[in-house]
Amino acid sequence: MFQLFGLLAQYERALTRERVIVGLDAVKRRGRIGGRPRVIDEEKMEAILDDLKSGDSKASICRNFGIKHATLYDAFNRRSSSF
């Protein structure tokens, strides 16, 4: 009896996994990317870099853009690793 329930659970798990994979593939085909949107996009990053070049401090840039220091440094790391 327990073996039957185990088999049914495995079968249901396989079906669920298959539906998830099909759904993720459909989302990718539509061009959507999962996850949270980035706080600093490319346009904002260019403005931040312009401010840095003009001599603004990182703290003042964070205040002006309403972002945390860690977010700014993460954006710098992402940008440097993309080159």
PDB file of N, CA and C in Angstrom:
ATOM      1  N   MET A   1       0.822  -1.194   0.000  1.00  0.00           N
ATOM      2  CA  MET A   1       0.000   0.000   0.000  1.00  0.00           C
ATOM      3  C   MET A   1       0.867   1.259   0.000  1.00  0.00           C
ATOM      4  N   PHE A   2       1.896   1.247   0.876  1.00  0.00           N
ATOM      5  CA  PHE A   2       2.777   2.412   0.945  1.00  0.00           C
ATOM      6  C   PHE A   2       3.564   2.582  -0.344  1.00  0.00           C
ATOM      7  N   GLN A   3       3.901   1.464  -0.980  1.00  0.00           N
ATOM      8  CA  GLN A   3       4.628   1.541  -2.243  1.00  0.00           C
ATOM      9  C   GLN A   3       3.788   2.225  -3.314  1.00  0.00           C
ATOM     10  N   LEU A   4       2.502   1.961  -3.299  1.00  0.00           N
ATOM     11  CA  LEU A   4       1.606   2.583  -4.266  1.00  0.00           C
ATOM     12  C   LEU A   4       1.573   4.092  -4.073  1.00  0.00           C
ATOM     13  N   PHE A   5       1.484   4.529  -2.825  1.00  0.00           N
ATOM     14  CA  PHE A   5       1.494   5.970  -2.549  1.00  0.00           C
ATOM     15  C   PHE A   5       2.830   6.596  -2.947  1.00  0.00           C
ATOM     16  N   GLY A   6       3.912   5.860  -2.729  1.00  0.00           N
ATOM     17  CA  GLY A   6       5.231   6.340  -3.129  1.00  0.00           C
ATOM     18  C   GLY A   6       5.334   6.502  -4.634  1.00  0.00           C
ATOM     19  N   LEU A   7       4.818   5.533  -5.365  1.00  0.00           N
ATOM     20  CA  LEU A   7       4.828   5.617  -6.824  1.00  0.00           C
ATOM     21  C   LEU A   7       3.981   6.784  -7.321  1.00  0.00           C
ATOM     22  N   LEU A   8       2.820   6.965  -6.716  1.00  0.00           N
ATOM     23  CA  LEU A   8       1.963   8.085  -7.121  1.00  0.00           C
ATOM     24  C   LEU A   8       2.632   9.429  -6.832  1.00  0.00           C
ATOM     25  N   ALA A   9       3.321   9.517  -5.708  1.00  0.00           N
ATOM     26  CA  ALA A   9       4.013  10.759  -5.360  1.00  0.00           C
ATOM     27  C   ALA A   9       5.141  11.041  -6.348  1.00  0.00           C
ATOM     28  N   GLN A  10       5.892  10.017  -6.726  1.00  0.00           N
ATOM     29  CA  GLN A  10       6.963  10.198  -7.705  1.00  0.00           C
ATOM     30  C   GLN A  10       6.403  10.625  -9.059  1.00  0.00           C
ATOM     31  N   TYR A  11       5.308  10.011  -9.454  1.00  0.00           N
ATOM     32  CA  TYR A  11       4.678  10.351 -10.730  1.00  0.00           C
ATOM     33  C   TYR A  11       4.197  11.799 -10.722  1.00  0.00           C
ATOM     34  N   GLU A  12       3.558  12.203  -9.650  1.00  0.00           N
ATOM     35  CA  GLU A  12       3.070  13.581  -9.541  1.00  0.00           C
ATOM     36  C   GLU A  12       4.236  14.562  -9.549  1.00  0.00           C
ATOM     37  N   ARG A  13       5.321  14.215  -8.890  1.00  0.00           N
ATOM     38  CA  ARG A  13       6.509  15.074  -8.860  1.00  0.00           C
ATOM     39  C   ARG A  13       7.094  15.229 -10.263  1.00  0.00           C
ATOM     40  N   ALA A  14       7.129  14.153 -11.016  1.00  0.00           N
ATOM     41  CA  ALA A  14       7.640  14.209 -12.386  1.00  0.00           C
ATOM     42  C   ALA A  14       6.753  15.091 -13.260  1.00  0.00           C
ATOM     43  N   LEU A  15       5.440  14.968 -13.098  1.00  0.00           N
ATOM     44  CA  LEU A  15       4.522  15.810 -13.872  1.00  0.00           C
ATOM     45  C   LEU A  15       4.686  17.284 -13.520  1.00  0.00           C
ATOM     46  N   THR A  16       4.828  17.565 -12.238  1.00  0.00           N
ATOM     47  CA  THR A  16       5.014  18.949 -11.794  1.00  0.00           C
ATOM     48  C   THR A  16       6.300  19.513 -12.374  1.00  0.00           C
ATOM     49  N   ARG A  17       7.369  18.754 -12.320  1.00  0.00           N
ATOM     50  CA  ARG A  17       8.662  19.201 -12.851  1.00  0.00           C
ATOM     51  C   ARG A  17       8.563  19.486 -14.352  1.00  0.00           C
ATOM     52  N   GLU A  18       7.869  18.619 -15.066  1.00  0.00           N
ATOM     53  CA  GLU A  18       7.706  18.806 -16.506  1.00  0.00           C
ATOM     54  C   GLU A  18       6.925  20.087 -16.809  1.00  0.00           C
ATOM     55  N   ARG A  19       5.872  20.348 -16.043  1.00  0.00           N
ATOM     56  CA  ARG A  19       5.082  21.569 -16.256  1.00  0.00           C
ATOM     57  C   ARG A  19       5.913  22.817 -15.973  1.00  0.00           C
ATOM     58  N   VAL A  20       6.753  22.759 -14.944  1.00  0.00           N
ATOM     59  CA  VAL A  20       7.608  23.902 -14.611  1.00  0.00           C
ATOM     60  C   VAL A  20       8.586  24.173 -15.745  1.00  0.00           C
ATOM     61  N   ILE A  21       9.206  23.141 -16.271  1.00  0.00           N
ATOM     62  CA  ILE A  21      10.171  23.311 -17.359  1.00  0.00           C
ATOM     63  C   ILE A  21       9.496  23.886 -18.596  1.00  0.00           C
ATOM     64  N   VAL A  22       8.322  23.385 -18.936  1.00  0.00           N
ATOM     65  CA  VAL A  22       7.587  23.902 -20.093  1.00  0.00           C
ATOM     66  C   VAL A  22       7.227  25.367 -19.877  1.00  0.00           C
ATOM     67  N   GLY A  23       6.808  25.715 -18.678  1.00  0.00           N
ATOM     68  CA  GLY A  23       6.460  27.106 -18.378  1.00  0.00           C
ATOM     69  C   GLY A  23       7.657  28.031 -18.469  1.00  0.00           C
ATOM     70  N   LEU A  24       8.805  27.611 -17.939  1.00  0.00           N
ATOM     71  CA  LEU A  24      10.012  28.437 -18.010  1.00  0.00           C
ATOM     72  C   LEU A  24      10.479  28.615 -19.447  1.00  0.00           C
ATOM     73  N   ASP A  25      10.377  27.568 -20.252  1.00  0.00           N
ATOM     74  CA  ASP A  25      10.744  27.688 -21.663  1.00  0.00           C
ATOM     75  C   ASP A  25       9.830  28.672 -22.388  1.00  0.00           C
ATOM     76  N   ALA A  26       8.541  28.639 -22.074  1.00  0.00           N
ATOM     77  CA  ALA A  26       7.596  29.569 -22.703  1.00  0.00           C
ATOM     78  C   ALA A  26       7.913  31.005 -22.326  1.00  0.00           C
ATOM     79  N   VAL A  27       8.280  31.227 -21.081  1.00  0.00           N
ATOM     80  CA  VAL A  27       8.626  32.571 -20.627  1.00  0.00           C
ATOM     81  C   VAL A  27       9.881  33.063 -21.347  1.00  0.00           C
ATOM     82  N   LYS A  28      10.872  32.197 -21.498  1.00  0.00           N
ATOM     83  CA  LYS A  28      12.102  32.577 -22.198  1.00  0.00           C
ATOM     84  C   LYS A  28      11.823  32.919 -23.655  1.00  0.00           C
ATOM     85  N   ARG A  29      10.939  32.160 -24.296  1.00  0.00           N
ATOM     86  CA  ARG A  29      10.600  32.445 -25.695  1.00  0.00           C
ATOM     87  C   ARG A  29       9.941  33.807 -25.847  1.00  0.00           C
ATOM     88  N   ARG A  30       9.189  34.221 -24.823  1.00  0.00           N
ATOM     89  CA  ARG A  30       8.542  35.535 -24.864  1.00  0.00           C
ATOM     90  C   ARG A  30       9.502  36.662 -24.517  1.00  0.00           C
ATOM     91  N   GLY A  31      10.742  36.304 -24.138  1.00  0.00           N
ATOM     92  CA  GLY A  31      11.746  37.320 -23.879  1.00  0.00           C
ATOM     93  C   GLY A  31      11.773  37.851 -22.466  1.00  0.00           C
ATOM     94  N   ARG A  32      11.063  37.231 -21.582  1.00  0.00           N
ATOM     95  CA  ARG A  32      11.057  37.694 -20.191  1.00  0.00           C
ATOM     96  C   ARG A  32      12.172  37.015 -19.423  1.00  0.00           C
ATOM     97  N   ILE A  33      12.713  37.750 -18.474  1.00  0.00           N
ATOM     98  CA  ILE A  33      13.759  37.212 -17.619  1.00  0.00           C
ATOM     99  C   ILE A  33      13.227  37.242 -16.195  1.00  0.00           C
ATOM    100  N   GLY A  34      13.453  36.182 -15.468  1.00  0.00           N
ATOM    101  CA  GLY A  34      12.963  36.117 -14.105  1.00  0.00           C
ATOM    102  C   GLY A  34      13.805  36.939 -13.154  1.00  0.00           C
ATOM    103  N   GLY A  35      13.311  37.096 -11.968  1.00  0.00           N
ATOM    104  CA  GLY A  35      14.059  37.798 -10.938  1.00  0.00           C
ATOM    105  C   GLY A  35      13.631  39.239 -10.770  1.00  0.00           C
ATOM    106  N   ARG A  36      14.227  39.854  -9.779  1.00  0.00           N
ATOM    107  CA  ARG A  36      13.906  41.234  -9.450  1.00  0.00           C
ATOM    108  C   ARG A  36      14.586  42.186 -10.428  1.00  0.00           C
ATOM    109  N   PRO A  37      13.894  43.259 -10.842  1.00  0.00           N
ATOM    110  CA  PRO A  37      14.527  44.222 -11.745  1.00  0.00           C
ATOM    111  C   PRO A  37      15.676  44.948 -11.055  1.00  0.00           C
ATOM    112  N   ARG A  38      16.662  45.318 -11.803  1.00  0.00           N
ATOM    113  CA  ARG A  38      17.825  46.019 -11.263  1.00  0.00           C
ATOM    114  C   ARG A  38      17.456  47.444 -10.880  1.00  0.00           C
ATOM    115  N   VAL A  39      18.028  47.914  -9.779  1.00  0.00           N
ATOM    116  CA  VAL A  39      17.792  49.282  -9.316  1.00  0.00           C
ATOM    117  C   VAL A  39      18.569  50.260 -10.182  1.00  0.00           C
ATOM    118  N   ILE A  40      19.787  49.873 -10.555  1.00  0.00           N
ATOM    119  CA  ILE A  40      20.643  50.734 -11.368  1.00  0.00           C
ATOM    120  C   ILE A  40      20.701  50.144 -12.773  1.00  0.00           C
ATOM    121  N   ASP A  41      20.002  50.776 -13.711  1.00  0.00           N
ATOM    122  CA  ASP A  41      20.062  50.335 -15.095  1.00  0.00           C
ATOM    123  C   ASP A  41      21.229  51.038 -15.793  1.00  0.00           C
ATOM    124  N   GLU A  42      21.407  50.795 -17.074  1.00  0.00           N
ATOM    125  CA  GLU A  42      22.547  51.356 -17.804  1.00  0.00           C
ATOM    126  C   GLU A  42      22.499  52.881 -17.856  1.00  0.00           C
ATOM    127  N   GLU A  43      21.312  53.433 -18.040  1.00  0.00           N
ATOM    128  CA  GLU A  43      21.175  54.893 -18.106  1.00  0.00           C
ATOM    129  C   GLU A  43      21.585  55.538 -16.780  1.00  0.00           C
ATOM    130  N   LYS A  44      21.120  54.948 -15.684  1.00  0.00           N
ATOM    131  CA  LYS A  44      21.465  55.463 -14.359  1.00  0.00           C
ATOM    132  C   LYS A  44      22.959  55.284 -14.082  1.00  0.00           C
ATOM    133  N   MET A  45      23.514  54.169 -14.554  1.00  0.00           N
ATOM    134  CA  MET A  45      24.935  53.906 -14.337  1.00  0.00           C
ATOM    135  C   MET A  45      25.785  54.936 -15.064  1.00  0.00           C
ATOM    136  N   GLU A  46      25.392  55.314 -16.262  1.00  0.00           N
ATOM    137  CA  GLU A  46      26.134  56.342 -17.004  1.00  0.00           C
ATOM    138  C   GLU A  46      26.094  57.670 -16.254  1.00  0.00           C
ATOM    139  N   ALA A  47      24.942  58.011 -15.691  1.00  0.00           N
ATOM    140  CA  ALA A  47      24.827  59.255 -14.921  1.00  0.00           C
ATOM    141  C   ALA A  47      25.700  59.193 -13.670  1.00  0.00           C
ATOM    142  N   ILE A  48      25.750  58.039 -13.031  1.00  0.00           N
ATOM    143  CA  ILE A  48      26.589  57.871 -11.843  1.00  0.00           C
ATOM    144  C   ILE A  48      28.060  58.035 -12.206  1.00  0.00           C
ATOM    145  N   LEU A  49      28.469  57.424 -13.307  1.00  0.00           N
ATOM    146  CA  LEU A  49      29.864  57.541 -13.730  1.00  0.00           C
ATOM    147  C   LEU A  49      30.217  58.978 -14.094  1.00  0.00           C
ATOM    148  N   ASP A  50      29.277  59.699 -14.717  1.00  0.00           N
ATOM    149  CA  ASP A  50      29.508  61.118 -15.021  1.00  0.00           C
ATOM    150  C   ASP A  50      29.692  61.917 -13.740  1.00  0.00           C
ATOM    151  N   ASP A  51      28.868  61.627 -12.736  1.00  0.00           N
ATOM    152  CA  ASP A  51      28.994  62.325 -11.452  1.00  0.00           C
ATOM    153  C   ASP A  51      30.333  62.015 -10.783  1.00  0.00           C
ATOM    154  N   LEU A  52      30.766  60.761 -10.871  1.00  0.00           N
ATOM    155  CA  LEU A  52      32.063  60.394 -10.291  1.00  0.00           C
ATOM    156  C   LEU A  52      33.206  61.129 -10.990  1.00  0.00           C
ATOM    157  N   LYS A  53      33.116  61.225 -12.317  1.00  0.00           N
ATOM    158  CA  LYS A  53      34.156  61.919 -13.077  1.00  0.00           C
ATOM    159  C   LYS A  53      34.191  63.404 -12.754  1.00  0.00           C
ATOM    160  N   SER A  54      33.035  63.962 -12.395  1.00  0.00           N
ATOM    161  CA  SER A  54      32.991  65.385 -12.071  1.00  0.00           C
ATOM    162  C   SER A  54      33.431  65.660 -10.634  1.00  0.00           C
ATOM    163  N   GLY A  55      33.747  64.601  -9.875  1.00  0.00           N
ATOM    164  CA  GLY A  55      34.308  64.790  -8.547  1.00  0.00           C
ATOM    165  C   GLY A  55      33.360  64.558  -7.391  1.00  0.00           C
ATOM    166  N   ASP A  56      32.144  64.125  -7.652  1.00  0.00           N
ATOM    167  CA  ASP A  56      31.209  63.842  -6.556  1.00  0.00           C
ATOM    168  C   ASP A  56      31.675  62.610  -5.780  1.00  0.00           C
ATOM    169  N   SER A  57      31.399  62.614  -4.484  1.00  0.00           N
ATOM    170  CA  SER A  57      31.758  61.453  -3.667  1.00  0.00           C
ATOM    171  C   SER A  57      30.719  60.350  -3.858  1.00  0.00           C
ATOM    172  N   LYS A  58      31.114  59.142  -3.514  1.00  0.00           N
ATOM    173  CA  LYS A  58      30.189  58.016  -3.632  1.00  0.00           C
ATOM    174  C   LYS A  58      29.021  58.166  -2.672  1.00  0.00           C
ATOM    175  N   ALA A  59      29.277  58.738  -1.504  1.00  0.00           N
ATOM    176  CA  ALA A  59      28.201  58.944  -0.529  1.00  0.00           C
ATOM    177  C   ALA A  59      27.173  59.931  -1.065  1.00  0.00           C
ATOM    178  N   SER A  60      27.633  61.009  -1.699  1.00  0.00           N
ATOM    179  CA  SER A  60      26.681  61.987  -2.234  1.00  0.00           C
ATOM    180  C   SER A  60      25.912  61.410  -3.421  1.00  0.00           C
ATOM    181  N   ILE A  61      26.571  60.579  -4.201  1.00  0.00           N
ATOM    182  CA  ILE A  61      25.879  59.928  -5.322  1.00  0.00           C
ATOM    183  C   ILE A  61      24.787  59.008  -4.793  1.00  0.00           C
ATOM    184  N   CYS A  62      25.088  58.271  -3.738  1.00  0.00           N
ATOM    185  CA  CYS A  62      24.078  57.387  -3.145  1.00  0.00           C
ATOM    186  C   CYS A  62      22.891  58.191  -2.630  1.00  0.00           C
ATOM    187  N   ARG A  63      23.165  59.316  -2.005  1.00  0.00           N
ATOM    188  CA  ARG A  63      22.064  60.165  -1.519  1.00  0.00           C
ATOM    189  C   ARG A  63      21.246  60.712  -2.684  1.00  0.00           C
ATOM    190  N   ASN A  64      21.923  61.201  -3.726  1.00  0.00           N
ATOM    191  CA  ASN A  64      21.223  61.799  -4.864  1.00  0.00           C
ATOM    192  C   ASN A  64      20.354  60.789  -5.607  1.00  0.00           C
ATOM    193  N   PHE A  65      20.843  59.565  -5.732  1.00  0.00           N
ATOM    194  CA  PHE A  65      20.105  58.550  -6.479  1.00  0.00           C
ATOM    195  C   PHE A  65      19.199  57.703  -5.587  1.00  0.00           C
ATOM    196  N   GLY A  66      19.303  57.885  -4.279  1.00  0.00           N
ATOM    197  CA  GLY A  66      18.449  57.135  -3.358  1.00  0.00           C
ATOM    198  C   GLY A  66      18.776  55.655  -3.306  1.00  0.00           C
ATOM    199  N   ILE A  67      20.064  55.334  -3.334  1.00  0.00           N
ATOM    200  CA  ILE A  67      20.484  53.937  -3.291  1.00  0.00           C
ATOM    201  C   ILE A  67      21.447  53.732  -2.131  1.00  0.00           C
ATOM    202  N   LYS A  68      21.629  52.493  -1.746  1.00  0.00           N
ATOM    203  CA  LYS A  68      22.557  52.147  -0.675  1.00  0.00           C
ATOM    204  C   LYS A  68      23.964  51.976  -1.250  1.00  0.00           C
ATOM    205  N   HIS A  69      24.959  52.091  -0.355  1.00  0.00           N
ATOM    206  CA  HIS A  69      26.347  51.930  -0.784  1.00  0.00           C
ATOM    207  C   HIS A  69      26.579  50.553  -1.408  1.00  0.00           C
ATOM    208  N   ALA A  70      26.017  49.524  -0.790  1.00  0.00           N
ATOM    209  CA  ALA A  70      26.218  48.159  -1.289  1.00  0.00           C
ATOM    210  C   ALA A  70      25.663  48.005  -2.700  1.00  0.00           C
ATOM    211  N   THR A  71      24.538  48.651  -2.981  1.00  0.00           N
ATOM    212  CA  THR A  71      23.950  48.589  -4.311  1.00  0.00           C
ATOM    213  C   THR A  71      24.882  49.222  -5.332  1.00  0.00           C
ATOM    214  N   LEU A  72      25.481  50.341  -4.960  1.00  0.00           N
ATOM    215  CA  LEU A  72      26.409  51.025  -5.860  1.00  0.00           C
ATOM    216  C   LEU A  72      27.631  50.152  -6.136  1.00  0.00           C
ATOM    217  N   TYR A  73      28.203  49.567  -5.090  1.00  0.00           N
ATOM    218  CA  TYR A  73      29.380  48.722  -5.282  1.00  0.00           C
ATOM    219  C   TYR A  73      29.040  47.454  -6.064  1.00  0.00           C
ATOM    220  N   ASP A  74      27.857  46.892  -5.855  1.00  0.00           N
ATOM    221  CA  ASP A  74      27.432  45.734  -6.647  1.00  0.00           C
ATOM    222  C   ASP A  74      27.338  46.097  -8.123  1.00  0.00           C
ATOM    223  N   ALA A  75      26.819  47.293  -8.409  1.00  0.00           N
ATOM    224  CA  ALA A  75      26.716  47.740  -9.798  1.00  0.00           C
ATOM    225  C   ALA A  75      28.102  47.923 -10.406  1.00  0.00           C
ATOM    226  N   PHE A  76      29.043  48.457  -9.634  1.00  0.00           N
ATOM    227  CA  PHE A  76      30.416  48.600 -10.123  1.00  0.00           C
ATOM    228  C   PHE A  76      31.025  47.232 -10.427  1.00  0.00           C
ATOM    229  N   ASN A  77      30.821  46.283  -9.519  1.00  0.00           N
ATOM    230  CA  ASN A  77      31.364  44.937  -9.729  1.00  0.00           C
ATOM    231  C   ASN A  77      30.739  44.263 -10.944  1.00  0.00           C
ATOM    232  N   ARG A  78      29.436  44.413 -11.122  1.00  0.00           N
ATOM    233  CA  ARG A  78      28.752  43.843 -12.276  1.00  0.00           C
ATOM    234  C   ARG A  78      29.293  44.444 -13.564  1.00  0.00           C
ATOM    235  N   ARG A  79      29.508  45.756 -13.538  1.00  0.00           N
ATOM    236  CA  ARG A  79      29.986  46.449 -14.737  1.00  0.00           C
ATOM    237  C   ARG A  79      31.417  46.040 -15.069  1.00  0.00           C
ATOM    238  N   SER A  80      32.274  45.917 -14.058  1.00  0.00           N
ATOM    239  CA  SER A  80      33.669  45.554 -14.322  1.00  0.00           C
ATOM    240  C   SER A  80      33.793  44.098 -14.764  1.00  0.00           C
ATOM    241  N   SER A  81      32.910  43.233 -14.300  1.00  0.00           N
ATOM    242  CA  SER A  81      32.987  41.824 -14.698  1.00  0.00           C
ATOM    243  C   SER A  81      32.406  41.598 -16.088  1.00  0.00           C
ATOM    244  N   SER A  82      31.653  42.565 -16.615  1.00  0.00           N
ATOM    245  CA  SER A  82      31.067  42.390 -17.945  1.00  0.00           C
ATOM    246  C   SER A  82      32.052  42.731 -19.050  1.00  0.00           C
ATOM    247  N   PHE A  83      33.204  43.303 -18.703  1.00  0.00           N
ATOM    248  CA  PHE A  83      34.204  43.652 -19.726  1.00  0.00           C
ATOM    249  C   PHE A  83      35.133  42.518 -19.997  1.00  0.00           C
TER     250      PHE A  83
END
